[in-house]
Amino acid sequence: MEEIVFFNPGDAIANSHDFGEALRSAEIYKTRNALQSPLVIVKPVNKDDAGFAVYFADEAAQQAETNKQQAYHIEKRM
């Protein structure tokens, strides 16, 4: 079963149409900032929205709190 989480699209650390590029961006961000906090790479639930985004895993909400948040499927946890 796929887990659906909600994020504010404006809070993304990185965005890309390519999963590999999103993964590289997440790895670089995590290394440069010596992060202990986990990151997630997500893909929008809505098929009309293409691409991937990187967020802090701690910022995920299980239900939309405001209409500003968008639903995503988690592709990879880091």
N, C-alpha and C. Protein backbone atom coordinates (compact mmCIF):
# COMPACT_ATOMS: atom_id res chain seq x y z
N MET A 1 0.84 -1.18 0.00
CA MET A 1 0.00 0.00 0.00
C MET A 1 0.89 1.24 0.00
N GLU A 2 0.57 2.17 -0.87
CA GLU A 2 1.34 3.40 -0.96
C GLU A 2 0.91 4.37 0.12
N GLU A 3 1.89 5.02 0.71
CA GLU A 3 1.62 6.01 1.75
C GLU A 3 1.44 7.37 1.09
N ILE A 4 0.35 8.05 1.44
CA ILE A 4 0.09 9.39 0.92
C ILE A 4 0.35 10.38 2.05
N VAL A 5 1.17 11.39 1.74
CA VAL A 5 1.48 12.45 2.70
C VAL A 5 1.22 13.78 2.03
N PHE A 6 1.13 14.82 2.85
CA PHE A 6 0.83 16.16 2.35
C PHE A 6 1.95 17.12 2.71
N PHE A 7 2.33 17.97 1.74
CA PHE A 7 3.33 19.00 1.94
C PHE A 7 2.85 20.28 1.28
N ASN A 8 3.37 21.40 1.75
CA ASN A 8 3.17 22.67 1.08
C ASN A 8 4.19 22.73 -0.05
N PRO A 9 3.77 22.82 -1.31
CA PRO A 9 4.72 22.82 -2.42
C PRO A 9 5.81 23.89 -2.31
N GLY A 10 5.55 24.99 -1.66
CA GLY A 10 6.54 26.04 -1.51
C GLY A 10 7.66 25.70 -0.55
N ASP A 11 7.51 24.63 0.24
CA ASP A 11 8.52 24.23 1.22
C ASP A 11 9.52 23.20 0.67
N ALA A 12 9.43 22.88 -0.61
CA ALA A 12 10.31 21.88 -1.21
C ALA A 12 11.76 22.34 -1.18
N ILE A 13 12.66 21.42 -0.88
CA ILE A 13 14.10 21.69 -0.91
C ILE A 13 14.58 21.69 -2.36
N ALA A 14 14.02 20.79 -3.18
CA ALA A 14 14.39 20.70 -4.59
C ALA A 14 13.22 20.12 -5.37
N ASN A 15 13.17 20.45 -6.66
CA ASN A 15 12.17 19.92 -7.59
C ASN A 15 12.87 19.49 -8.86
N SER A 16 12.37 18.43 -9.48
CA SER A 16 12.95 17.98 -10.74
C SER A 16 11.95 17.08 -11.46
N HIS A 17 12.05 17.05 -12.77
CA HIS A 17 11.21 16.13 -13.55
C HIS A 17 11.82 14.74 -13.60
N ASP A 18 13.09 14.62 -13.19
CA ASP A 18 13.83 13.37 -13.24
C ASP A 18 14.12 12.87 -11.82
N PHE A 19 13.79 11.60 -11.53
CA PHE A 19 14.02 11.05 -10.20
C PHE A 19 15.51 11.07 -9.84
N GLY A 20 16.38 10.70 -10.76
CA GLY A 20 17.82 10.68 -10.51
C GLY A 20 18.35 12.05 -10.13
N GLU A 21 17.87 13.07 -10.80
CA GLU A 21 18.30 14.43 -10.48
C GLU A 21 17.79 14.86 -9.11
N ALA A 22 16.56 14.49 -8.77
CA ALA A 22 16.01 14.80 -7.44
C ALA A 22 16.82 14.08 -6.36
N LEU A 23 17.21 12.84 -6.62
CA LEU A 23 18.01 12.07 -5.68
C LEU A 23 19.38 12.73 -5.47
N ARG A 24 20.03 13.15 -6.55
CA ARG A 24 21.32 13.84 -6.44
C ARG A 24 21.19 15.13 -5.65
N SER A 25 20.14 15.89 -5.92
CA SER A 25 19.92 17.14 -5.19
C SER A 25 19.74 16.88 -3.70
N ALA A 26 19.00 15.85 -3.35
CA ALA A 26 18.79 15.50 -1.94
C ALA A 26 20.09 15.09 -1.28
N GLU A 27 20.89 14.27 -1.97
CA GLU A 27 22.17 13.83 -1.42
C GLU A 27 23.13 15.00 -1.21
N ILE A 28 23.19 15.90 -2.18
CA ILE A 28 24.06 17.08 -2.06
C ILE A 28 23.60 17.96 -0.91
N TYR A 29 22.29 18.21 -0.83
CA TYR A 29 21.76 19.06 0.24
C TYR A 29 22.06 18.46 1.61
N LYS A 30 21.85 17.15 1.72
CA LYS A 30 22.07 16.47 2.99
C LYS A 30 23.55 16.51 3.38
N THR A 31 24.45 16.31 2.43
CA THR A 31 25.90 16.33 2.69
C THR A 31 26.39 17.73 3.05
N ARG A 32 26.00 18.72 2.27
CA ARG A 32 26.46 20.10 2.50
C ARG A 32 25.99 20.66 3.83
N ASN A 33 24.81 20.25 4.25
CA ASN A 33 24.22 20.80 5.47
C ASN A 33 24.36 19.87 6.66
N ALA A 34 25.07 18.75 6.50
CA ALA A 34 25.29 17.77 7.57
C ALA A 34 23.99 17.47 8.32
N LEU A 35 22.97 17.13 7.57
CA LEU A 35 21.63 16.93 8.14
C LEU A 35 21.54 15.61 8.89
N GLN A 36 20.90 15.66 10.02
CA GLN A 36 20.54 14.45 10.75
C GLN A 36 19.07 14.12 10.49
N SER A 37 18.32 15.11 10.04
CA SER A 37 16.90 14.93 9.77
C SER A 37 16.72 14.17 8.45
N PRO A 38 15.81 13.20 8.41
CA PRO A 38 15.61 12.45 7.18
C PRO A 38 14.90 13.28 6.11
N LEU A 39 15.20 12.96 4.86
CA LEU A 39 14.56 13.59 3.72
C LEU A 39 13.71 12.55 3.00
N VAL A 40 12.73 13.01 2.24
CA VAL A 40 11.93 12.11 1.40
C VAL A 40 11.85 12.70 0.00
N ILE A 41 11.84 11.80 -0.97
CA ILE A 41 11.61 12.19 -2.35
C ILE A 41 10.19 11.73 -2.66
N VAL A 42 9.37 12.65 -3.14
CA VAL A 42 7.96 12.34 -3.36
C VAL A 42 7.54 12.67 -4.79
N LYS A 43 6.45 12.04 -5.19
CA LYS A 43 5.84 12.27 -6.51
C LYS A 43 4.39 12.66 -6.28
N PRO A 44 3.89 13.68 -6.97
CA PRO A 44 2.50 14.09 -6.78
C PRO A 44 1.50 12.97 -7.09
N VAL A 45 0.45 12.90 -6.30
CA VAL A 45 -0.62 11.92 -6.52
C VAL A 45 -1.36 12.25 -7.81
N ASN A 46 -1.58 13.53 -8.06
CA ASN A 46 -2.28 13.99 -9.25
C ASN A 46 -1.43 13.68 -10.48
N LYS A 47 -1.95 12.89 -11.39
CA LYS A 47 -1.21 12.48 -12.59
C LYS A 47 -0.88 13.66 -13.50
N ASP A 48 -1.61 14.76 -13.39
CA ASP A 48 -1.34 15.93 -14.22
C ASP A 48 -0.08 16.67 -13.78
N ASP A 49 0.34 16.48 -12.53
CA ASP A 49 1.54 17.12 -12.00
C ASP A 49 2.71 16.16 -12.18
N ALA A 50 3.68 16.56 -12.98
CA ALA A 50 4.83 15.70 -13.25
C ALA A 50 5.99 16.07 -12.35
N GLY A 51 6.90 15.15 -12.19
CA GLY A 51 8.13 15.45 -11.48
C GLY A 51 8.18 14.91 -10.07
N PHE A 52 9.28 15.27 -9.40
CA PHE A 52 9.56 14.81 -8.05
C PHE A 52 9.98 16.01 -7.21
N ALA A 53 9.78 15.91 -5.91
CA ALA A 53 10.18 16.98 -4.99
C ALA A 53 10.86 16.35 -3.77
N VAL A 54 11.71 17.13 -3.13
CA VAL A 54 12.43 16.69 -1.93
C VAL A 54 11.96 17.55 -0.76
N TYR A 55 11.61 16.88 0.35
CA TYR A 55 11.14 17.56 1.56
C TYR A 55 11.81 16.95 2.79
N PHE A 56 11.76 17.69 3.89
CA PHE A 56 12.12 17.11 5.19
C PHE A 56 11.00 16.16 5.58
N ALA A 57 11.33 14.94 5.97
CA ALA A 57 10.32 13.94 6.32
C ALA A 57 9.49 14.39 7.52
N ASP A 58 10.09 15.15 8.44
CA ASP A 58 9.38 15.59 9.64
C ASP A 58 8.25 16.56 9.34
N GLU A 59 8.25 17.16 8.15
CA GLU A 59 7.23 18.15 7.81
C GLU A 59 6.00 17.52 7.17
N ALA A 60 5.99 16.20 7.01
CA ALA A 60 4.86 15.51 6.38
C ALA A 60 3.66 15.50 7.31
N ALA A 61 2.49 15.65 6.72
CA ALA A 61 1.24 15.54 7.46
C ALA A 61 0.44 14.39 6.83
N GLN A 62 -0.25 13.64 7.64
CA GLN A 62 -1.03 12.52 7.12
C GLN A 62 -2.36 12.98 6.50
N GLN A 63 -2.82 14.16 6.88
CA GLN A 63 -4.03 14.73 6.31
C GLN A 63 -3.77 16.19 5.96
N ALA A 64 -4.41 16.65 4.92
CA ALA A 64 -4.23 18.05 4.52
C ALA A 64 -4.77 18.96 5.61
N GLU A 65 -3.92 19.85 6.09
CA GLU A 65 -4.34 20.80 7.13
C GLU A 65 -4.89 22.07 6.51
N THR A 66 -4.40 22.42 5.36
CA THR A 66 -4.90 23.60 4.65
C THR A 66 -5.03 23.25 3.19
N ASN A 67 -5.68 24.11 2.46
CA ASN A 67 -5.82 23.86 1.03
C ASN A 67 -4.54 24.16 0.26
N LYS A 68 -3.50 24.65 0.95
CA LYS A 68 -2.21 24.92 0.31
C LYS A 68 -1.39 23.65 0.15
N GLN A 69 -1.73 22.61 0.88
CA GLN A 69 -0.94 21.38 0.84
C GLN A 69 -1.38 20.49 -0.31
N GLN A 70 -0.41 19.77 -0.85
CA GLN A 70 -0.65 18.88 -1.98
C GLN A 70 -0.34 17.45 -1.55
N ALA A 71 -1.08 16.49 -2.11
CA ALA A 71 -0.88 15.07 -1.78
C ALA A 71 0.25 14.50 -2.64
N TYR A 72 1.11 13.67 -1.98
CA TYR A 72 2.24 13.03 -2.63
C TYR A 72 2.34 11.57 -2.22
N HIS A 73 2.93 10.76 -3.12
CA HIS A 73 3.35 9.39 -2.81
C HIS A 73 4.83 9.46 -2.48
N ILE A 74 5.25 8.75 -1.44
CA ILE A 74 6.66 8.71 -1.08
C ILE A 74 7.37 7.72 -2.01
N GLU A 75 8.38 8.19 -2.71
CA GLU A 75 9.17 7.37 -3.62
C GLU A 75 10.40 6.80 -2.93
N LYS A 76 11.05 7.60 -2.06
CA LYS A 76 12.27 7.14 -1.37
C LYS A 76 12.45 7.95 -0.10
N ARG A 77 12.86 7.24 0.96
CA ARG A 77 13.23 7.88 2.23
C ARG A 77 14.74 7.87 2.33
N MET A 78 15.30 8.97 2.82
CA MET A 78 16.76 9.08 2.94
C MET A 78 17.13 9.42 4.36
